[in-house]
């Protein structure tokens, strides 16, 4: 038996869902059903997990930072401080 459901969702999420729906050729209703029919197979990510994923993606895309050893840092500091 099918029943209608009304959800209140962030507009950005709706747009992403519609793009994904169009790309996969599945209706939003079907995608919703598949998500919950899968049950424990696909764990839902918390907001913290999504944020950590975005941070990881950002870090992977960023340029590496030049690192200095402690001795070099101390020398630079002393030169700057005492001239």
C-alpha atoms as a PDB file:
ATOM      1  CA  UNK A   1       0.000   0.000   0.000  1.00  0.00           C
ATOM      2  CA  UNK A   2       1.353   3.449  -0.966  1.00  0.00           C
ATOM      3  CA  UNK A   3       0.762   6.495   1.223  1.00  0.00           C
ATOM      4  CA  UNK A   4       1.623  10.148   0.611  1.00  0.00           C
ATOM      5  CA  UNK A   5       4.144  11.809   2.892  1.00  0.00           C
ATOM      6  CA  UNK A   6       4.982  15.496   3.313  1.00  0.00           C
ATOM      7  CA  UNK A   7       8.500  16.395   4.461  1.00  0.00           C
ATOM      8  CA  UNK A   8      10.066  19.693   5.448  1.00  0.00           C
ATOM      9  CA  UNK A   9      13.589  19.722   4.056  1.00  0.00           C
ATOM     10  CA  UNK A  10      16.291  22.340   3.502  1.00  0.00           C
ATOM     11  CA  UNK A  11      15.967  23.783  -0.021  1.00  0.00           C
ATOM     12  CA  UNK A  12      19.610  22.964  -0.801  1.00  0.00           C
ATOM     13  CA  UNK A  13      18.964  19.308   0.039  1.00  0.00           C
ATOM     14  CA  UNK A  14      15.901  19.273  -2.211  1.00  0.00           C
ATOM     15  CA  UNK A  15      17.905  20.635  -5.139  1.00  0.00           C
ATOM     16  CA  UNK A  16      20.658  18.044  -4.599  1.00  0.00           C
ATOM     17  CA  UNK A  17      18.073  15.265  -4.356  1.00  0.00           C
ATOM     18  CA  UNK A  18      16.380  16.384  -7.583  1.00  0.00           C
ATOM     19  CA  UNK A  19      19.718  16.510  -9.422  1.00  0.00           C
ATOM     20  CA  UNK A  20      20.578  13.023  -8.172  1.00  0.00           C
ATOM     21  CA  UNK A  21      17.110  11.803  -9.139  1.00  0.00           C
ATOM     22  CA  UNK A  22      17.513  13.132 -12.660  1.00  0.00           C
ATOM     23  CA  UNK A  23      21.023  11.688 -12.967  1.00  0.00           C
ATOM     24  CA  UNK A  24      19.979   8.204 -11.810  1.00  0.00           C
ATOM     25  CA  UNK A  25      16.575   8.186 -13.487  1.00  0.00           C
ATOM     26  CA  UNK A  26      14.806   7.357 -10.216  1.00  0.00           C
ATOM     27  CA  UNK A  27      11.966   9.287  -8.643  1.00  0.00           C
ATOM     28  CA  UNK A  28      12.477  10.949  -5.274  1.00  0.00           C
ATOM     29  CA  UNK A  29       9.895   8.581  -3.828  1.00  0.00           C
ATOM     30  CA  UNK A  30      11.831   5.548  -5.092  1.00  0.00           C
ATOM     31  CA  UNK A  31      15.112   6.915  -3.743  1.00  0.00           C
ATOM     32  CA  UNK A  32      13.462   7.467  -0.342  1.00  0.00           C
ATOM     33  CA  UNK A  33      12.074   3.916  -0.338  1.00  0.00           C
ATOM     34  CA  UNK A  34      15.432   2.409  -1.290  1.00  0.00           C
ATOM     35  CA  UNK A  35      17.184   4.340   1.468  1.00  0.00           C
ATOM     36  CA  UNK A  36      14.976   2.878   4.169  1.00  0.00           C
ATOM     37  CA  UNK A  37      14.521  -0.560   2.608  1.00  0.00           C
ATOM     38  CA  UNK A  38      18.308  -0.981   2.699  1.00  0.00           C
ATOM     39  CA  UNK A  39      18.112  -0.746   6.494  1.00  0.00           C
ATOM     40  CA  UNK A  40      21.415  -1.255   8.270  1.00  0.00           C
ATOM     41  CA  UNK A  41      23.357  -1.810   5.052  1.00  0.00           C
ATOM     42  CA  UNK A  42      23.851   1.927   4.476  1.00  0.00           C
ATOM     43  CA  UNK A  43      24.398   3.762   7.755  1.00  0.00           C
ATOM     44  CA  UNK A  44      23.203   7.370   7.833  1.00  0.00           C
ATOM     45  CA  UNK A  45      25.900   9.942   8.460  1.00  0.00           C
ATOM     46  CA  UNK A  46      25.495  12.443  11.252  1.00  0.00           C
ATOM     47  CA  UNK A  47      26.101  16.154  10.661  1.00  0.00           C
ATOM     48  CA  UNK A  48      29.492  15.775  12.367  1.00  0.00           C
ATOM     49  CA  UNK A  49      30.435  12.906  10.038  1.00  0.00           C
ATOM     50  CA  UNK A  50      29.417  14.932   6.972  1.00  0.00           C
ATOM     51  CA  UNK A  51      31.424  17.922   8.248  1.00  0.00           C
ATOM     52  CA  UNK A  52      34.451  15.707   8.844  1.00  0.00           C
ATOM     53  CA  UNK A  53      34.116  14.353   5.298  1.00  0.00           C
ATOM     54  CA  UNK A  54      33.965  17.867   3.844  1.00  0.00           C
ATOM     55  CA  UNK A  55      37.024  18.873   5.882  1.00  0.00           C
ATOM     56  CA  UNK A  56      38.920  15.801   4.704  1.00  0.00           C
ATOM     57  CA  UNK A  57      38.032  16.561   1.073  1.00  0.00           C
ATOM     58  CA  UNK A  58      39.206  20.150   1.536  1.00  0.00           C
ATOM     59  CA  UNK A  59      42.489  19.052   3.115  1.00  0.00           C
ATOM     60  CA  UNK A  60      43.157  16.502   0.378  1.00  0.00           C
ATOM     61  CA  UNK A  61      42.704  19.213  -2.278  1.00  0.00           C
ATOM     62  CA  UNK A  62      44.845  21.821  -0.511  1.00  0.00           C
ATOM     63  CA  UNK A  63      48.547  22.393  -1.160  1.00  0.00           C
ATOM     64  CA  UNK A  64      51.007  20.773   1.230  1.00  0.00           C
ATOM     65  CA  UNK A  65      52.438  23.045   3.908  1.00  0.00           C
ATOM     66  CA  UNK A  66      56.201  23.435   4.157  1.00  0.00           C
ATOM     67  CA  UNK A  67      57.302  22.116   7.529  1.00  0.00           C
ATOM     68  CA  UNK A  68      60.387  23.186   9.448  1.00  0.00           C
ATOM     69  CA  UNK A  69      62.135  21.390  12.227  1.00  0.00           C
ATOM     70  CA  UNK A  70      62.220  22.841  15.748  1.00  0.00           C
ATOM     71  CA  UNK A  71      65.839  24.007  15.461  1.00  0.00           C
ATOM     72  CA  UNK A  72      65.077  26.062  12.336  1.00  0.00           C
ATOM     73  CA  UNK A  73      61.991  27.599  13.945  1.00  0.00           C
ATOM     74  CA  UNK A  74      63.940  28.533  17.077  1.00  0.00           C
ATOM     75  CA  UNK A  75      66.724  30.106  15.028  1.00  0.00           C
ATOM     76  CA  UNK A  76      64.221  32.191  13.017  1.00  0.00           C
ATOM     77  CA  UNK A  77      62.491  33.307  16.202  1.00  0.00           C
ATOM     78  CA  UNK A  78      65.747  34.337  17.878  1.00  0.00           C
ATOM     79  CA  UNK A  79      66.921  36.237  14.803  1.00  0.00           C
ATOM     80  CA  UNK A  80      63.603  38.050  14.608  1.00  0.00           C
ATOM     81  CA  UNK A  81      63.586  38.818  18.345  1.00  0.00           C
ATOM     82  CA  UNK A  82      67.215  39.892  18.816  1.00  0.00           C
ATOM     83  CA  UNK A  83      68.139  40.928  15.274  1.00  0.00           C
END
